[in-house]
Amino acid sequence: MPPMPELMSHVYEWFINLTNTRRNYGWGVTPLTYTEIYCWSKLRGIELDDWELDTLLTLDRVYISVEADAAAKRRK
């Protein structure tokens, strides 16, 4: 795996922070919502640039996909 670009490392740290507060209702991983991201950023005093928000949402889609694949494999 290539090293993470320095420009993006803070966004990945934010994503991990947000992921640790994610809810799971027993039906799999739920996506992060705009409301959750907005509230988190306000609580942290972070003003997201457009590319940072887009990156968080992209990371979330990848995370959910990987988790869904892993859950499917566990069910087999």
PDB file of N, CA and C in Angstrom:
ATOM      1  N   MET A   1       0.845  -1.173   0.000  1.00  0.00           N
ATOM      2  CA  MET A   1       0.000   0.000   0.000  1.00  0.00           C
ATOM      3  C   MET A   1       0.893   1.240   0.000  1.00  0.00           C
ATOM      4  N   PRO A   2       0.606   2.193  -0.863  1.00  0.00           N
ATOM      5  CA  PRO A   2       1.435   3.405  -0.901  1.00  0.00           C
ATOM      6  C   PRO A   2       1.209   4.253   0.346  1.00  0.00           C
ATOM      7  N   PRO A   3       2.199   5.041   0.717  1.00  0.00           N
ATOM      8  CA  PRO A   3       2.023   5.896   1.895  1.00  0.00           C
ATOM      9  C   PRO A   3       0.931   6.940   1.640  1.00  0.00           C
ATOM     10  N   MET A   4       0.281   7.343   2.718  1.00  0.00           N
ATOM     11  CA  MET A   4      -0.769   8.347   2.604  1.00  0.00           C
ATOM     12  C   MET A   4      -0.152   9.710   2.324  1.00  0.00           C
ATOM     13  N   PRO A   5      -0.712  10.432   1.371  1.00  0.00           N
ATOM     14  CA  PRO A   5      -0.212  11.781   1.108  1.00  0.00           C
ATOM     15  C   PRO A   5      -0.372  12.664   2.351  1.00  0.00           C
ATOM     16  N   GLU A   6       0.637  13.421   2.648  1.00  0.00           N
ATOM     17  CA  GLU A   6       0.612  14.286   3.838  1.00  0.00           C
ATOM     18  C   GLU A   6      -0.589  15.224   3.814  1.00  0.00           C
ATOM     19  N   LEU A   7      -0.953  15.707   2.646  1.00  0.00           N
ATOM     20  CA  LEU A   7      -2.077  16.630   2.498  1.00  0.00           C
ATOM     21  C   LEU A   7      -3.385  16.021   2.989  1.00  0.00           C
ATOM     22  N   MET A   8      -3.492  14.701   2.948  1.00  0.00           N
ATOM     23  CA  MET A   8      -4.743  14.029   3.288  1.00  0.00           C
ATOM     24  C   MET A   8      -4.736  13.400   4.679  1.00  0.00           C
ATOM     25  N   SER A   9      -3.634  13.354   5.359  1.00  0.00           N
ATOM     26  CA  SER A   9      -3.552  12.611   6.614  1.00  0.00           C
ATOM     27  C   SER A   9      -4.522  13.133   7.672  1.00  0.00           C
ATOM     28  N   HIS A  10      -4.737  14.428   7.726  1.00  0.00           N
ATOM     29  CA  HIS A  10      -5.674  14.961   8.725  1.00  0.00           C
ATOM     30  C   HIS A  10      -7.111  14.527   8.431  1.00  0.00           C
ATOM     31  N   VAL A  11      -7.461  14.389   7.155  1.00  0.00           N
ATOM     32  CA  VAL A  11      -8.814  13.954   6.793  1.00  0.00           C
ATOM     33  C   VAL A  11      -9.012  12.499   7.206  1.00  0.00           C
ATOM     34  N   TYR A  12      -7.991  11.691   7.040  1.00  0.00           N
ATOM     35  CA  TYR A  12      -8.090  10.294   7.465  1.00  0.00           C
ATOM     36  C   TYR A  12      -8.246  10.211   8.976  1.00  0.00           C
ATOM     37  N   GLU A  13      -7.519  11.019   9.711  1.00  0.00           N
ATOM     38  CA  GLU A  13      -7.661  11.055  11.172  1.00  0.00           C
ATOM     39  C   GLU A  13      -9.075  11.478  11.554  1.00  0.00           C
ATOM     40  N   TRP A  14      -9.627  12.467  10.855  1.00  0.00           N
ATOM     41  CA  TRP A  14     -11.010  12.881  11.111  1.00  0.00           C
ATOM     42  C   TRP A  14     -11.963  11.729  10.841  1.00  0.00           C
ATOM     43  N   PHE A  15     -11.736  11.008   9.741  1.00  0.00           N
ATOM     44  CA  PHE A  15     -12.604   9.892   9.398  1.00  0.00           C
ATOM     45  C   PHE A  15     -12.582   8.830  10.493  1.00  0.00           C
ATOM     46  N   ILE A  16     -11.417   8.496  10.988  1.00  0.00           N
ATOM     47  CA  ILE A  16     -11.310   7.507  12.066  1.00  0.00           C
ATOM     48  C   ILE A  16     -12.068   8.001  13.295  1.00  0.00           C
ATOM     49  N   ASN A  17     -11.932   9.271  13.624  1.00  0.00           N
ATOM     50  CA  ASN A  17     -12.644   9.847  14.757  1.00  0.00           C
ATOM     51  C   ASN A  17     -14.152   9.725  14.570  1.00  0.00           C
ATOM     52  N   LEU A  18     -14.635  10.061  13.393  1.00  0.00           N
ATOM     53  CA  LEU A  18     -16.064   9.945  13.097  1.00  0.00           C
ATOM     54  C   LEU A  18     -16.520   8.489  13.098  1.00  0.00           C
ATOM     55  N   THR A  19     -15.731   7.608  12.555  1.00  0.00           N
ATOM     56  CA  THR A  19     -16.088   6.191  12.488  1.00  0.00           C
ATOM     57  C   THR A  19     -16.234   5.598  13.881  1.00  0.00           C
ATOM     58  N   ASN A  20     -15.431   6.044  14.808  1.00  0.00           N
ATOM     59  CA  ASN A  20     -15.514   5.522  16.171  1.00  0.00           C
ATOM     60  C   ASN A  20     -16.817   5.897  16.869  1.00  0.00           C
ATOM     61  N   THR A  21     -17.557   6.840  16.333  1.00  0.00           N
ATOM     62  CA  THR A  21     -18.845   7.222  16.918  1.00  0.00           C
ATOM     63  C   THR A  21     -20.014   6.664  16.105  1.00  0.00           C
ATOM     64  N   ARG A  22     -19.716   5.865  15.108  1.00  0.00           N
ATOM     65  CA  ARG A  22     -20.737   5.342  14.192  1.00  0.00           C
ATOM     66  C   ARG A  22     -21.674   4.390  14.927  1.00  0.00           C
ATOM     67  N   ARG A  23     -22.937   4.438  14.555  1.00  0.00           N
ATOM     68  CA  ARG A  23     -23.929   3.529  15.137  1.00  0.00           C
ATOM     69  C   ARG A  23     -24.045   2.270  14.289  1.00  0.00           C
ATOM     70  N   ASN A  24     -24.398   1.190  14.956  1.00  0.00           N
ATOM     71  CA  ASN A  24     -24.685  -0.056  14.266  1.00  0.00           C
ATOM     72  C   ASN A  24     -25.959  -0.613  14.883  1.00  0.00           C
ATOM     73  N   TYR A  25     -26.987  -0.717  14.070  1.00  0.00           N
ATOM     74  CA  TYR A  25     -28.286  -1.182  14.554  1.00  0.00           C
ATOM     75  C   TYR A  25     -28.483  -2.682  14.355  1.00  0.00           C
ATOM     76  N   GLY A  26     -27.414  -3.388  14.051  1.00  0.00           N
ATOM     77  CA  GLY A  26     -27.513  -4.815  13.842  1.00  0.00           C
ATOM     78  C   GLY A  26     -27.760  -5.216  12.395  1.00  0.00           C
ATOM     79  N   TRP A  27     -27.932  -4.259  11.528  1.00  0.00           N
ATOM     80  CA  TRP A  27     -28.170  -4.534  10.111  1.00  0.00           C
ATOM     81  C   TRP A  27     -26.981  -4.091   9.269  1.00  0.00           C
ATOM     82  N   GLY A  28     -25.856  -3.977   9.891  1.00  0.00           N
ATOM     83  CA  GLY A  28     -24.668  -3.545   9.168  1.00  0.00           C
ATOM     84  C   GLY A  28     -24.294  -2.113   9.523  1.00  0.00           C
ATOM     85  N   VAL A  29     -23.231  -1.697   8.948  1.00  0.00           N
ATOM     86  CA  VAL A  29     -22.690  -0.372   9.216  1.00  0.00           C
ATOM     87  C   VAL A  29     -23.568   0.682   8.544  1.00  0.00           C
ATOM     88  N   THR A  30     -23.878   1.722   9.281  1.00  0.00           N
ATOM     89  CA  THR A  30     -24.672   2.812   8.709  1.00  0.00           C
ATOM     90  C   THR A  30     -23.745   3.896   8.183  1.00  0.00           C
ATOM     91  N   PRO A  31     -24.137   4.546   7.097  1.00  0.00           N
ATOM     92  CA  PRO A  31     -23.296   5.617   6.559  1.00  0.00           C
ATOM     93  C   PRO A  31     -23.287   6.829   7.485  1.00  0.00           C
ATOM     94  N   LEU A  32     -22.194   7.550   7.439  1.00  0.00           N
ATOM     95  CA  LEU A  32     -22.151   8.832   8.132  1.00  0.00           C
ATOM     96  C   LEU A  32     -23.105   9.778   7.424  1.00  0.00           C
ATOM     97  N   THR A  33     -23.785  10.600   8.190  1.00  0.00           N
ATOM     98  CA  THR A  33     -24.716  11.548   7.593  1.00  0.00           C
ATOM     99  C   THR A  33     -24.091  12.944   7.569  1.00  0.00           C
ATOM    100  N   TYR A  34     -24.664  13.783   6.723  1.00  0.00           N
ATOM    101  CA  TYR A  34     -24.221  15.174   6.696  1.00  0.00           C
ATOM    102  C   TYR A  34     -24.416  15.811   8.075  1.00  0.00           C
ATOM    103  N   THR A  35     -25.507  15.471   8.741  1.00  0.00           N
ATOM    104  CA  THR A  35     -25.782  16.024  10.069  1.00  0.00           C
ATOM    105  C   THR A  35     -24.705  15.615  11.065  1.00  0.00           C
ATOM    106  N   GLU A  36     -24.318  14.344  11.048  1.00  0.00           N
ATOM    107  CA  GLU A  36     -23.275  13.881  11.962  1.00  0.00           C
ATOM    108  C   GLU A  36     -21.944  14.575  11.680  1.00  0.00           C
ATOM    109  N   ILE A  37     -21.608  14.684  10.412  1.00  0.00           N
ATOM    110  CA  ILE A  37     -20.351  15.343  10.045  1.00  0.00           C
ATOM    111  C   ILE A  37     -20.394  16.815  10.444  1.00  0.00           C
ATOM    112  N   TYR A  38     -21.523  17.464  10.183  1.00  0.00           N
ATOM    113  CA  TYR A  38     -21.675  18.889  10.528  1.00  0.00           C
ATOM    114  C   TYR A  38     -21.547  19.088  12.037  1.00  0.00           C
ATOM    115  N   CYS A  39     -22.267  18.296  12.815  1.00  0.00           N
ATOM    116  CA  CYS A  39     -22.206  18.442  14.279  1.00  0.00           C
ATOM    117  C   CYS A  39     -20.800  18.163  14.798  1.00  0.00           C
ATOM    118  N   TRP A  40     -20.165  17.120  14.295  1.00  0.00           N
ATOM    119  CA  TRP A  40     -18.800  16.795  14.713  1.00  0.00           C
ATOM    120  C   TRP A  40     -17.861  17.953  14.407  1.00  0.00           C
ATOM    121  N   SER A  41     -17.978  18.506  13.191  1.00  0.00           N
ATOM    122  CA  SER A  41     -17.062  19.584  12.820  1.00  0.00           C
ATOM    123  C   SER A  41     -17.297  20.836  13.669  1.00  0.00           C
ATOM    124  N   LYS A  42     -18.541  21.125  14.008  1.00  0.00           N
ATOM    125  CA  LYS A  42     -18.835  22.283  14.856  1.00  0.00           C
ATOM    126  C   LYS A  42     -18.306  22.064  16.270  1.00  0.00           C
ATOM    127  N   LEU A  43     -18.487  20.864  16.802  1.00  0.00           N
ATOM    128  CA  LEU A  43     -17.983  20.557  18.147  1.00  0.00           C
ATOM    129  C   LEU A  43     -16.457  20.658  18.210  1.00  0.00           C
ATOM    130  N   ARG A  44     -15.804  20.299  17.114  1.00  0.00           N
ATOM    131  CA  ARG A  44     -14.345  20.327  17.048  1.00  0.00           C
ATOM    132  C   ARG A  44     -13.788  21.671  16.575  1.00  0.00           C
ATOM    133  N   GLY A  45     -14.672  22.562  16.131  1.00  0.00           N
ATOM    134  CA  GLY A  45     -14.205  23.855  15.625  1.00  0.00           C
ATOM    135  C   GLY A  45     -13.488  23.743  14.299  1.00  0.00           C
ATOM    136  N   ILE A  46     -13.929  22.796  13.484  1.00  0.00           N
ATOM    137  CA  ILE A  46     -13.294  22.544  12.192  1.00  0.00           C
ATOM    138  C   ILE A  46     -14.214  23.033  11.085  1.00  0.00           C
ATOM    139  N   GLU A  47     -13.684  23.849  10.193  1.00  0.00           N
ATOM    140  CA  GLU A  47     -14.424  24.264   9.009  1.00  0.00           C
ATOM    141  C   GLU A  47     -13.882  23.482   7.823  1.00  0.00           C
ATOM    142  N   LEU A  48     -14.700  22.578   7.319  1.00  0.00           N
ATOM    143  CA  LEU A  48     -14.262  21.695   6.243  1.00  0.00           C
ATOM    144  C   LEU A  48     -14.246  22.410   4.901  1.00  0.00           C
ATOM    145  N   ASP A  49     -13.178  22.204   4.152  1.00  0.00           N
ATOM    146  CA  ASP A  49     -13.163  22.608   2.749  1.00  0.00           C
ATOM    147  C   ASP A  49     -14.000  21.590   1.967  1.00  0.00           C
ATOM    148  N   ASP A  50     -14.445  21.980   0.789  1.00  0.00           N
ATOM    149  CA  ASP A  50     -15.253  21.072  -0.032  1.00  0.00           C
ATOM    150  C   ASP A  50     -14.536  19.748  -0.280  1.00  0.00           C
ATOM    151  N   TRP A  51     -13.259  19.810  -0.618  1.00  0.00           N
ATOM    152  CA  TRP A  51     -12.533  18.585  -0.927  1.00  0.00           C
ATOM    153  C   TRP A  51     -12.403  17.696   0.305  1.00  0.00           C
ATOM    154  N   GLU A  52     -12.338  18.296   1.494  1.00  0.00           N
ATOM    155  CA  GLU A  52     -12.242  17.498   2.717  1.00  0.00           C
ATOM    156  C   GLU A  52     -13.554  16.756   2.979  1.00  0.00           C
ATOM    157  N   LEU A  53     -14.680  17.452   2.806  1.00  0.00           N
ATOM    158  CA  LEU A  53     -15.976  16.804   2.963  1.00  0.00           C
ATOM    159  C   LEU A  53     -16.144  15.693   1.933  1.00  0.00           C
ATOM    160  N   ASP A  54     -15.811  15.979   0.692  1.00  0.00           N
ATOM    161  CA  ASP A  54     -15.914  14.966  -0.362  1.00  0.00           C
ATOM    162  C   ASP A  54     -15.044  13.751  -0.044  1.00  0.00           C
ATOM    163  N   THR A  55     -13.864  13.992   0.485  1.00  0.00           N
ATOM    164  CA  THR A  55     -12.956  12.896   0.832  1.00  0.00           C
ATOM    165  C   THR A  55     -13.521  12.073   1.980  1.00  0.00           C
ATOM    166  N   LEU A  56     -14.082  12.735   2.996  1.00  0.00           N
ATOM    167  CA  LEU A  56     -14.716  12.004   4.100  1.00  0.00           C
ATOM    168  C   LEU A  56     -15.837  11.106   3.585  1.00  0.00           C
ATOM    169  N   LEU A  57     -16.653  11.635   2.684  1.00  0.00           N
ATOM    170  CA  LEU A  57     -17.767  10.859   2.142  1.00  0.00           C
ATOM    171  C   LEU A  57     -17.271   9.695   1.283  1.00  0.00           C
ATOM    172  N   THR A  58     -16.199   9.918   0.530  1.00  0.00           N
ATOM    173  CA  THR A  58     -15.621   8.842  -0.271  1.00  0.00           C
ATOM    174  C   THR A  58     -15.033   7.758   0.621  1.00  0.00           C
ATOM    175  N   LEU A  59     -14.294   8.155   1.637  1.00  0.00           N
ATOM    176  CA  LEU A  59     -13.750   7.183   2.586  1.00  0.00           C
ATOM    177  C   LEU A  59     -14.877   6.378   3.227  1.00  0.00           C
ATOM    178  N   ASP A  60     -15.974   7.038   3.534  1.00  0.00           N
ATOM    179  CA  ASP A  60     -17.107   6.358   4.152  1.00  0.00           C
ATOM    180  C   ASP A  60     -17.714   5.327   3.209  1.00  0.00           C
ATOM    181  N   ARG A  61     -17.882   5.680   1.930  1.00  0.00           N
ATOM    182  CA  ARG A  61     -18.427   4.722   0.966  1.00  0.00           C
ATOM    183  C   ARG A  61     -17.519   3.492   0.836  1.00  0.00           C
ATOM    184  N   VAL A  62     -16.221   3.709   0.806  1.00  0.00           N
ATOM    185  CA  VAL A  62     -15.278   2.596   0.720  1.00  0.00           C
ATOM    186  C   VAL A  62     -15.364   1.744   1.985  1.00  0.00           C
ATOM    187  N   TYR A  63     -15.398   2.386   3.126  1.00  0.00           N
ATOM    188  CA  TYR A  63     -15.482   1.674   4.411  1.00  0.00           C
ATOM    189  C   TYR A  63     -16.735   0.791   4.457  1.00  0.00           C
ATOM    190  N   ILE A  64     -17.870   1.347   4.071  1.00  0.00           N
ATOM    191  CA  ILE A  64     -19.119   0.589   4.098  1.00  0.00           C
ATOM    192  C   ILE A  64     -19.052  -0.589   3.139  1.00  0.00           C
ATOM    193  N   SER A  65     -18.482  -0.395   1.979  1.00  0.00           N
ATOM    194  CA  SER A  65     -18.351  -1.468   1.002  1.00  0.00           C
ATOM    195  C   SER A  65     -17.470  -2.600   1.539  1.00  0.00           C
ATOM    196  N   VAL A  66     -16.347  -2.249   2.116  1.00  0.00           N
ATOM    197  CA  VAL A  66     -15.432  -3.252   2.674  1.00  0.00           C
ATOM    198  C   VAL A  66     -16.100  -3.997   3.824  1.00  0.00           C
ATOM    199  N   GLU A  67     -16.794  -3.270   4.684  1.00  0.00           N
ATOM    200  CA  GLU A  67     -17.496  -3.906   5.805  1.00  0.00           C
ATOM    201  C   GLU A  67     -18.601  -4.841   5.309  1.00  0.00           C
ATOM    202  N   ALA A  68     -19.327  -4.442   4.282  1.00  0.00           N
ATOM    203  CA  ALA A  68     -20.391  -5.287   3.732  1.00  0.00           C
ATOM    204  C   ALA A  68     -19.807  -6.568   3.140  1.00  0.00           C
ATOM    205  N   ASP A  69     -18.698  -6.458   2.425  1.00  0.00           N
ATOM    206  CA  ASP A  69     -18.041  -7.642   1.867  1.00  0.00           C
ATOM    207  C   ASP A  69     -17.574  -8.583   2.975  1.00  0.00           C
ATOM    208  N   ALA A  70     -16.994  -8.019   4.023  1.00  0.00           N
ATOM    209  CA  ALA A  70     -16.521  -8.841   5.143  1.00  0.00           C
ATOM    210  C   ALA A  70     -17.693  -9.524   5.838  1.00  0.00           C
ATOM    211  N   ALA A  71     -18.799  -8.827   6.009  1.00  0.00           N
ATOM    212  CA  ALA A  71     -19.978  -9.418   6.650  1.00  0.00           C
ATOM    213  C   ALA A  71     -20.539 -10.548   5.797  1.00  0.00           C
ATOM    214  N   ALA A  72     -20.556 -10.378   4.475  1.00  0.00           N
ATOM    215  CA  ALA A  72     -21.038 -11.414   3.576  1.00  0.00           C
ATOM    216  C   ALA A  72     -20.169 -12.666   3.678  1.00  0.00           C
ATOM    217  N   LYS A  73     -18.867 -12.483   3.762  1.00  0.00           N
ATOM    218  CA  LYS A  73     -17.951 -13.617   3.891  1.00  0.00           C
ATOM    219  C   LYS A  73     -18.154 -14.340   5.217  1.00  0.00           C
ATOM    220  N   ARG A  74     -18.442 -13.588   6.280  1.00  0.00           N
ATOM    221  CA  ARG A  74     -18.666 -14.212   7.594  1.00  0.00           C
ATOM    222  C   ARG A  74     -19.945 -15.044   7.587  1.00  0.00           C
ATOM    223  N   ARG A  75     -20.935 -14.637   6.803  1.00  0.00           N
ATOM    224  CA  ARG A  75     -22.202 -15.371   6.751  1.00  0.00           C
ATOM    225  C   ARG A  75     -22.090 -16.679   5.971  1.00  0.00           C
ATOM    226  N   LYS A  76     -21.095 -16.803   5.126  1.00  0.00           N
ATOM    227  CA  LYS A  76     -20.935 -18.017   4.310  1.00  0.00           C
ATOM    228  C   LYS A  76     -20.382 -19.163   5.112  1.00  0.00           C
TER     229      LYS A  76
END
